[in-house]
Amino acid sequence: MQLQLVLVQGILLKGGHALDALASCDTIAFDKTGTLTTGGLVCKGIEPIHGHRLPGRNDKNVNACCNPSCEKEALAVASAMEKGTTHPIARFWRYILLYFEVQFCPSILQNRRAVADHSEGKELPPVSIEHFESLPGKGLVATLTGIQSGDGVPLKATLGSLEYISSLFRNEFESRKIKEAASASPYGQDLVHAVLSVNNKVTLFHFEDKIRPGATDVVSTLKNKADLHLMMLTGDHASSASRVAKAVGIDEVYSGLKPEDKLHQVKSLSRNGAGGLIMVGDGINDAPALAAATVGIVLAQRASATAVAVADVLLLEDNIKSVPFIIAKARQTTYLVKQSVLLALSCIFFAALSSVMGFLPLWLTEPRVNSLNHKFYWDWARKEFFPIGSSA
C-alpha cells in the first residue's frame, strides 16, 4: 500500500530496500545546478578576457582579432558546440543567441526566426564541428571548421569551467592572469561562469541561474521537521554556490568539486556519519556520488541515463517537492513494520506466559495450519469455556 501511495505521487522506487535505507539516513546532500536551481540559465554577458586584440577607445584603427567581433565569434563557436551535450548550460546557448539579437538586431526582433537565420548567415560566422568530445566534470573539446587560424590550421576549442580552462595553460603566469581577469569582471562573482578557449583566446560567459520554486520550503521541511543534516555538493565556484545556498537555507557548502571529488566527499560523509546519506542530483557529474550514497535520488526528466541507472529513487516530476514526502513515507513504513513485529512478539510472549502459568494448555499455544486441527481446537474451546448451548 505504501508503494502505491508513493507511485501516485510520481515517485518510482527500485525495490523496497530503498524505503528501509531512506528511513535510516540522517544526512542529505543536494547538487546545485538543475536540482536546487531550475537550470534555466539566462546569459548576462560575454566578455573576452585573455589573448584577444580589441579595438581601444582611443585607438580606433586597431582591428579586432576575431571576425566580425570577438564576442560574436565566441558565440558562434559555443553555439556549435552546444549540439553535442545535455548539460543545462549548453541547453541555453540558444538564449545567448536571443541576447545578441536584442543587442545587435532590435529592429527585426519581432520575426525571431528571420533574425536567427540572418545572424547565422551574416552576423555570426558559420562554424561546424569536425571532432567533438565531452569530458564529464571538465567541459567540451572540439575541432572547428569554418573558422581557421592565421596559418590555415583548424581551430581547437575548449569550453568548461574557469579552473579547467586556466589549467590548460602551461605557463603559470598566463593561468594566473586569466583567473585575475575573471575575478575583476564587472559582472561580479555571484553569476555562473563558463569559459571558452579558442586557440588560447579566452572568453568568459556570465549566466544567472534561478532558484527552483519551492526549494526553500523543501530545505526548511527537511531541516526542521525531518531533522536532517543538509549540505550542497557542486562543481560551481564558491561565490555562486554560496549565493544559492544562502537563498535556500543550506549552511554547509562544498564547491568546485569534480565528479571524483563528489564521490570522495560522499564516501567520507557516509563513513564518518552515524546514519546513511541521501544524494539528490540529476547530471552525469553526479552519477558516481549517487551510486556511492546510501540512497540516490534523481529528477528523472532531466537526468542523464547514467544517473538514472545508478539511482535508487526516481522523481518522475521535475521538482524536488516530493523529497520530504518519500522520506516521511519511508520512516512511517519502517515504524509500522517495527510496530507489527513488536505486536507479534508480544502476543507470542503473553501466550507462552499464559501456558506456563497454566491458564492455557501448552498445545493450544502451538501454531497449527491444518484446518482439521483448527476445528478440533475450536470445538474443545467452545465446550471448555462456553458449555451452555455447546451441543447446538
Protein backbone atom coordinates (compact mmCIF):
# COMPACT_ATOMS: atom_id res chain seq x y z
CA MET A 1 0.00 0.00 0.00
CA GLN A 2 2.82 2.40 0.85
CA LEU A 3 4.50 1.72 -2.50
CA GLN A 4 1.23 2.50 -4.31
CA LEU A 5 0.91 5.82 -2.48
CA VAL A 6 4.48 6.67 -3.41
CA LEU A 7 3.90 5.85 -7.08
CA VAL A 8 0.79 8.03 -7.16
CA GLN A 9 2.98 10.96 -6.09
CA GLY A 10 5.22 10.43 -9.14
CA ILE A 11 8.00 8.58 -7.31
CA LEU A 12 9.49 5.33 -8.60
CA LEU A 13 11.41 3.08 -6.20
CA LYS A 14 13.85 0.45 -7.42
CA GLY A 15 12.85 -2.05 -4.76
CA GLY A 16 11.52 -1.96 -1.22
CA HIS A 17 15.04 -1.77 0.23
CA ALA A 18 15.12 1.91 -0.72
CA LEU A 19 12.43 2.67 1.90
CA ASP A 20 14.44 0.97 4.65
CA ALA A 21 17.58 2.81 3.58
CA LEU A 22 15.83 6.19 3.43
CA ALA A 23 14.50 5.77 6.95
CA SER A 24 18.00 5.15 8.31
CA CYS A 25 19.61 8.26 6.75
CA ASP A 26 20.40 11.35 8.80
CA THR A 27 22.17 13.44 6.12
CA ILE A 28 21.07 14.68 2.71
CA ALA A 29 23.26 16.31 0.05
CA PHE A 30 21.96 18.32 -2.91
CA ASP A 31 23.55 19.14 -6.23
CA LYS A 32 23.04 22.77 -7.25
CA THR A 33 22.53 23.27 -10.98
CA GLY A 34 19.28 21.69 -12.14
CA THR A 35 18.39 20.42 -8.65
CA LEU A 36 18.16 23.37 -6.27
CA THR A 37 18.05 25.69 -9.27
CA THR A 38 15.93 25.43 -12.39
CA GLY A 39 18.86 25.03 -14.76
CA GLY A 40 17.12 27.76 -16.78
CA LEU A 41 20.21 29.84 -17.27
CA VAL A 42 19.98 33.39 -18.58
CA CYS A 43 23.03 34.91 -20.25
CA LYS A 44 24.04 38.24 -18.75
CA GLY A 45 27.09 38.92 -20.86
CA ILE A 46 30.02 37.69 -22.97
CA GLU A 47 33.44 39.05 -22.07
CA PRO A 48 36.81 38.48 -23.82
CA ILE A 49 39.37 38.29 -21.01
CA HIS A 50 42.64 36.93 -22.42
CA GLY A 51 44.51 36.66 -25.71
CA HIS A 52 42.17 38.93 -27.68
CA ARG A 53 43.13 42.05 -29.59
CA LEU A 54 40.33 44.52 -29.01
CA PRO A 55 39.92 47.99 -30.52
CA GLY A 56 40.82 50.62 -27.92
CA ARG A 57 38.62 53.52 -27.09
CA ASN A 58 41.35 55.95 -28.12
CA ASP A 59 42.77 53.90 -30.98
CA LYS A 60 40.01 53.02 -33.40
CA ASN A 61 42.48 51.91 -36.06
CA VAL A 62 43.20 48.67 -34.16
CA ASN A 63 41.15 45.86 -35.68
CA ALA A 64 39.62 43.07 -33.61
CA CYS A 65 41.39 39.71 -33.82
CA CYS A 66 38.08 37.89 -34.50
CA ASN A 67 35.55 38.18 -37.30
CA PRO A 68 33.19 40.02 -37.15
CA SER A 69 33.93 40.58 -33.43
CA CYS A 70 35.38 38.55 -30.58
CA GLU A 71 32.03 38.28 -28.81
CA LYS A 72 30.17 37.08 -31.90
CA GLU A 73 32.85 34.59 -32.90
CA ALA A 74 32.83 33.13 -29.38
CA LEU A 75 29.05 32.91 -29.56
CA ALA A 76 29.19 31.11 -32.91
CA VAL A 77 31.72 28.56 -31.60
CA ALA A 78 29.83 27.93 -28.36
CA SER A 79 26.51 27.56 -30.18
CA ALA A 80 28.03 24.95 -32.49
CA MET A 81 29.48 23.03 -29.53
CA GLU A 82 26.10 23.10 -27.75
CA LYS A 83 24.58 20.47 -30.01
CA GLY A 84 26.71 17.65 -28.63
CA THR A 85 25.90 17.90 -24.92
CA THR A 86 22.96 17.74 -22.46
CA HIS A 87 24.31 19.93 -19.63
CA PRO A 88 21.92 22.74 -18.56
CA ILE A 89 24.45 25.42 -19.54
CA ALA A 90 24.69 24.01 -23.04
CA ARG A 91 20.94 23.75 -23.48
CA PHE A 92 20.66 27.51 -23.08
CA TRP A 93 23.19 28.72 -25.63
CA ARG A 94 20.14 29.49 -27.80
CA TYR A 95 19.15 32.07 -25.20
CA ILE A 96 22.55 33.66 -25.62
CA LEU A 97 21.66 33.97 -29.29
CA LEU A 98 18.49 35.78 -28.26
CA TYR A 99 20.60 38.07 -26.06
CA PHE A 100 22.71 39.05 -29.06
CA GLU A 101 19.65 39.53 -31.22
CA VAL A 102 18.42 42.07 -28.70
CA GLN A 103 21.82 43.78 -28.64
CA PHE A 104 22.54 43.93 -32.35
CA CYS A 105 19.24 43.41 -34.19
CA PRO A 106 16.43 45.04 -32.16
CA SER A 107 14.66 46.33 -35.25
CA ILE A 108 13.79 42.87 -36.57
CA LEU A 109 13.35 41.06 -33.26
CA GLN A 110 9.63 40.55 -33.96
CA ASN A 111 10.48 37.92 -36.56
CA ARG A 112 12.87 35.88 -34.42
CA ARG A 113 13.35 33.11 -36.94
CA ALA A 114 14.38 35.55 -39.62
CA VAL A 115 16.75 37.21 -37.17
CA ALA A 116 18.25 33.81 -36.29
CA ASP A 117 18.76 33.00 -39.96
CA HIS A 118 20.24 36.43 -40.53
CA SER A 119 22.51 36.05 -37.54
CA GLU A 120 23.61 32.61 -38.63
CA GLY A 121 24.36 33.69 -42.15
CA LYS A 122 25.71 37.19 -41.65
CA GLU A 123 26.01 38.36 -38.07
CA LEU A 124 27.73 35.19 -36.86
CA PRO A 125 30.46 33.38 -38.79
CA PRO A 126 29.47 29.86 -39.91
CA VAL A 127 31.02 27.21 -37.67
CA SER A 128 30.81 23.42 -37.89
CA ILE A 129 32.25 20.73 -35.64
CA GLU A 130 34.74 18.27 -37.09
CA HIS A 131 35.54 16.39 -33.87
CA PHE A 132 33.66 16.61 -30.56
CA GLU A 133 34.36 15.17 -27.12
CA SER A 134 32.57 15.63 -23.80
CA LEU A 135 34.70 15.41 -20.65
CA PRO A 136 32.38 14.89 -17.61
CA GLY A 137 33.20 17.30 -14.85
CA LYS A 138 35.55 19.31 -17.06
CA GLY A 139 33.94 20.51 -20.26
CA LEU A 140 33.77 20.10 -24.02
CA VAL A 141 36.56 19.85 -26.59
CA ALA A 142 36.02 20.30 -30.32
CA THR A 143 37.90 20.85 -33.56
CA LEU A 144 36.24 23.54 -35.65
CA THR A 145 35.86 24.03 -39.36
CA GLY A 146 34.64 27.24 -40.95
CA ILE A 147 36.92 29.37 -38.78
CA GLN A 148 40.64 28.96 -39.23
CA SER A 149 43.71 30.35 -37.60
CA GLY A 150 46.12 32.57 -39.48
CA ASP A 151 48.18 29.63 -40.75
CA GLY A 152 45.11 27.78 -42.10
CA VAL A 153 45.06 25.14 -39.33
CA PRO A 154 41.58 24.24 -37.96
CA LEU A 155 40.91 25.76 -34.56
CA LYS A 156 40.70 23.77 -31.34
CA ALA A 157 38.02 24.98 -28.94
CA THR A 158 37.55 24.05 -25.29
CA LEU A 159 34.50 25.03 -23.25
CA GLY A 160 34.41 24.44 -19.50
CA SER A 161 34.94 25.86 -16.03
CA LEU A 162 37.40 28.61 -15.22
CA GLU A 163 39.61 26.23 -13.26
CA TYR A 164 39.74 23.70 -16.09
CA ILE A 165 40.45 26.23 -18.85
CA SER A 166 43.13 28.01 -16.85
CA SER A 167 44.79 24.66 -16.08
CA LEU A 168 45.27 24.06 -19.82
CA PHE A 169 47.79 26.89 -19.97
CA ARG A 170 51.19 25.50 -19.07
CA ASN A 171 52.52 28.97 -18.40
CA GLU A 172 51.66 29.69 -14.77
CA PHE A 173 51.72 33.43 -15.43
CA GLU A 174 49.03 33.13 -18.13
CA SER A 175 46.93 30.85 -15.96
CA ARG A 176 47.05 33.32 -13.08
CA LYS A 177 46.31 36.22 -15.41
CA ILE A 178 43.13 34.51 -16.69
CA LYS A 179 41.89 33.95 -13.13
CA GLU A 180 42.64 37.55 -12.18
CA ALA A 181 40.78 38.84 -15.25
CA ALA A 182 37.74 36.73 -14.36
CA SER A 183 37.86 37.94 -10.75
CA ALA A 184 37.99 41.56 -11.89
CA SER A 185 34.97 41.18 -14.17
CA PRO A 186 32.41 43.99 -13.82
CA TYR A 187 29.64 41.36 -13.81
CA GLY A 188 30.70 40.22 -10.32
CA GLN A 189 31.29 36.77 -8.90
CA ASP A 190 27.76 35.68 -7.99
CA LEU A 191 26.89 34.51 -11.52
CA VAL A 192 27.54 31.10 -13.06
CA HIS A 193 30.55 31.17 -15.38
CA ALA A 194 31.53 29.20 -18.45
CA VAL A 195 34.83 29.80 -20.19
CA LEU A 196 35.62 29.28 -23.87
CA SER A 197 39.17 28.95 -25.16
CA VAL A 198 39.77 29.03 -28.93
CA ASN A 199 43.47 28.66 -29.71
CA ASN A 200 44.37 30.34 -26.39
CA LYS A 201 41.90 33.20 -26.87
CA VAL A 202 39.73 33.07 -23.74
CA THR A 203 36.17 34.38 -23.45
CA LEU A 204 34.09 34.41 -20.27
CA PHE A 205 30.31 33.78 -20.39
CA HIS A 206 28.17 35.01 -17.49
CA PHE A 207 24.92 33.21 -16.59
CA GLU A 208 22.26 33.72 -13.97
CA ASP A 209 20.59 30.58 -12.63
CA LYS A 210 17.22 30.96 -10.90
CA ILE A 211 16.32 29.21 -7.66
CA ARG A 212 13.85 26.36 -8.18
CA PRO A 213 10.35 27.29 -6.91
CA GLY A 214 9.66 25.59 -3.59
CA ALA A 215 13.32 24.75 -2.92
CA THR A 216 13.38 26.93 0.19
CA ASP A 217 10.31 25.19 1.63
CA VAL A 218 11.80 21.76 0.88
CA VAL A 219 15.03 22.64 2.64
CA SER A 220 13.15 24.09 5.62
CA THR A 221 10.99 20.95 5.95
CA LEU A 222 13.95 18.60 5.75
CA LYS A 223 15.91 20.63 8.28
CA ASN A 224 13.20 21.41 10.84
CA LYS A 225 10.68 18.57 10.56
CA ALA A 226 12.73 15.67 9.24
CA ASP A 227 15.72 16.72 11.39
CA LEU A 228 18.24 16.00 8.63
CA HIS A 229 21.72 17.43 8.23
CA LEU A 230 21.76 19.32 4.89
CA MET A 231 24.64 20.20 2.58
CA MET A 232 25.34 21.19 -1.02
CA LEU A 233 27.86 19.49 -3.32
CA THR A 234 28.52 21.40 -6.53
CA GLY A 235 31.11 21.91 -9.20
CA ASP A 236 30.39 25.64 -9.47
CA HIS A 237 32.67 28.26 -7.97
CA ALA A 238 32.34 29.26 -4.33
CA SER A 239 30.56 32.62 -4.72
CA SER A 240 27.81 31.25 -6.96
CA ALA A 241 27.31 28.21 -4.72
CA SER A 242 27.17 30.38 -1.60
CA ARG A 243 24.57 32.64 -3.17
CA VAL A 244 22.22 29.73 -3.90
CA ALA A 245 22.89 28.02 -0.55
CA LYS A 246 22.13 31.21 1.35
CA ALA A 247 18.92 31.73 -0.64
CA VAL A 248 17.53 28.26 0.11
CA GLY A 249 18.85 27.98 3.68
CA ILE A 250 21.74 25.49 3.43
CA ASP A 251 24.67 26.27 5.69
CA GLU A 252 27.25 23.67 4.62
CA VAL A 253 28.58 24.06 1.07
CA TYR A 254 31.27 22.19 -0.85
CA SER A 255 32.06 23.94 -4.15
CA GLY A 256 34.42 23.44 -7.07
CA LEU A 257 34.00 19.66 -6.95
CA LYS A 258 34.75 17.35 -9.85
CA PRO A 259 32.81 14.05 -10.13
CA GLU A 260 35.60 12.20 -8.32
CA ASP A 261 35.62 14.87 -5.59
CA LYS A 262 31.88 14.43 -5.06
CA LEU A 263 32.41 10.68 -4.85
CA HIS A 264 35.16 11.09 -2.25
CA GLN A 265 33.03 13.54 -0.26
CA VAL A 266 30.02 11.21 -0.21
CA LYS A 267 32.14 8.22 0.84
CA SER A 268 33.77 10.27 3.58
CA LEU A 269 30.45 11.55 4.92
CA SER A 270 28.87 8.09 4.79
CA ARG A 271 31.83 6.59 6.62
CA ASN A 272 32.03 9.23 9.35
CA GLY A 273 28.31 9.81 9.86
CA ALA A 274 26.15 7.93 12.33
CA GLY A 275 23.46 7.14 9.77
CA GLY A 276 23.26 6.98 5.99
CA LEU A 277 23.47 9.72 3.36
CA ILE A 278 20.95 10.68 0.68
CA MET A 279 22.30 12.24 -2.53
CA VAL A 280 19.92 14.26 -4.74
CA GLY A 281 21.15 15.14 -8.23
CA ASP A 282 20.40 15.00 -11.92
CA GLY A 283 23.50 15.03 -14.12
CA ILE A 284 26.20 12.63 -15.27
CA ASN A 285 28.59 14.52 -12.96
CA ASP A 286 26.51 13.28 -10.01
CA ALA A 287 26.43 9.61 -11.07
CA PRO A 288 29.44 8.40 -9.01
CA ALA A 289 28.13 10.17 -5.89
CA LEU A 290 24.61 8.83 -6.46
CA ALA A 291 25.97 5.29 -6.70
CA ALA A 292 28.10 5.64 -3.55
CA ALA A 293 25.37 7.23 -1.40
CA THR A 294 23.13 5.14 0.83
CA VAL A 295 20.21 6.31 -1.33
CA GLY A 296 20.50 8.14 -4.65
CA ILE A 297 17.56 10.30 -5.78
CA VAL A 298 17.39 11.80 -9.29
CA LEU A 299 14.99 14.02 -11.21
CA ALA A 300 14.26 11.56 -13.99
CA GLN A 301 13.00 14.08 -16.56
CA ARG A 302 16.32 15.92 -16.79
CA ALA A 303 18.74 13.26 -15.52
CA SER A 304 21.34 11.57 -17.69
CA ALA A 305 20.97 7.87 -18.49
CA THR A 306 23.89 7.07 -16.21
CA ALA A 307 22.34 8.91 -13.27
CA VAL A 308 19.00 7.14 -13.80
CA ALA A 309 20.74 3.76 -13.95
CA VAL A 310 22.57 4.12 -10.63
CA ALA A 311 19.81 5.88 -8.65
CA ASP A 312 17.58 4.14 -6.12
CA VAL A 313 14.67 6.60 -6.35
CA LEU A 314 13.38 8.39 -9.47
CA LEU A 315 11.33 11.56 -9.20
CA LEU A 316 9.14 11.43 -12.29
CA GLU A 317 8.06 15.06 -11.94
CA ASP A 318 10.54 17.86 -12.50
CA ASN A 319 10.62 19.16 -8.92
CA ILE A 320 12.09 18.25 -5.54
CA LYS A 321 8.91 18.86 -3.53
CA SER A 322 8.35 15.11 -3.21
CA VAL A 323 11.67 14.52 -1.42
CA PRO A 324 10.23 15.26 2.08
CA PHE A 325 7.21 13.09 1.21
CA ILE A 326 9.23 10.00 0.30
CA ILE A 327 11.41 10.36 3.41
CA ALA A 328 8.32 10.70 5.62
CA LYS A 329 6.72 7.63 3.99
CA ALA A 330 9.92 5.64 4.45
CA ARG A 331 10.01 6.46 8.15
CA GLN A 332 6.29 5.71 8.51
CA THR A 333 6.69 2.34 6.79
CA THR A 334 9.63 1.40 8.97
CA TYR A 335 7.67 2.41 12.07
CA LEU A 336 4.70 0.24 11.02
CA VAL A 337 6.96 -2.75 10.36
CA LYS A 338 8.61 -2.38 13.77
CA GLN A 339 5.20 -1.94 15.39
CA SER A 340 3.88 -5.12 13.74
CA VAL A 341 6.92 -7.13 14.76
CA LEU A 342 6.64 -5.85 18.34
CA LEU A 343 2.93 -6.73 18.46
CA ALA A 344 3.58 -10.25 17.15
CA LEU A 345 6.37 -10.85 19.67
CA SER A 346 4.15 -9.53 22.47
CA CYS A 347 1.34 -11.91 21.53
CA ILE A 348 3.73 -14.85 21.46
CA PHE A 349 5.22 -13.84 24.81
CA PHE A 350 1.87 -13.49 26.59
CA ALA A 351 0.52 -16.70 25.07
CA ALA A 352 3.62 -18.59 26.19
CA LEU A 353 3.47 -17.00 29.65
CA SER A 354 -0.21 -17.97 30.00
CA SER A 355 0.53 -21.55 29.06
CA VAL A 356 3.45 -21.76 31.51
CA MET A 357 1.24 -20.43 34.32
CA GLY A 358 -1.47 -22.94 33.46
CA PHE A 359 -4.12 -20.61 32.12
CA LEU A 360 -3.93 -22.18 28.65
CA PRO A 361 -2.86 -25.66 27.61
CA LEU A 362 0.61 -25.67 26.08
CA TRP A 363 -0.61 -27.36 22.92
CA LEU A 364 -3.15 -24.57 22.41
CA THR A 365 -0.37 -22.02 22.00
CA GLU A 366 1.39 -24.16 19.41
CA PRO A 367 0.73 -22.80 15.88
CA ARG A 368 -1.23 -25.12 13.61
CA VAL A 369 -2.03 -24.87 9.94
CA ASN A 370 -4.17 -27.94 9.48
CA SER A 371 -7.85 -27.00 9.17
CA LEU A 372 -8.98 -30.21 10.94
CA ASN A 373 -6.82 -29.36 13.94
CA HIS A 374 -8.25 -25.84 13.92
CA LYS A 375 -11.77 -27.29 14.05
CA PHE A 376 -10.77 -29.61 16.88
CA TYR A 377 -9.28 -26.78 18.93
CA TRP A 378 -12.33 -24.63 18.38
CA ASP A 379 -14.71 -27.42 19.40
CA TRP A 380 -12.66 -28.05 22.55
CA ALA A 381 -12.51 -24.35 23.46
CA ARG A 382 -16.26 -23.95 22.91
CA LYS A 383 -17.08 -26.88 25.20
CA GLU A 384 -14.50 -25.84 27.79
CA PHE A 385 -15.30 -22.17 28.08
CA PHE A 386 -18.87 -21.93 26.70
CA PRO A 387 -20.70 -25.06 27.95
CA ILE A 388 -24.16 -23.51 27.63
CA GLY A 389 -25.57 -24.27 24.21
CA SER A 390 -22.41 -26.08 23.11
CA SER A 391 -24.42 -29.05 21.88
CA ALA A 392 -26.40 -26.84 19.49
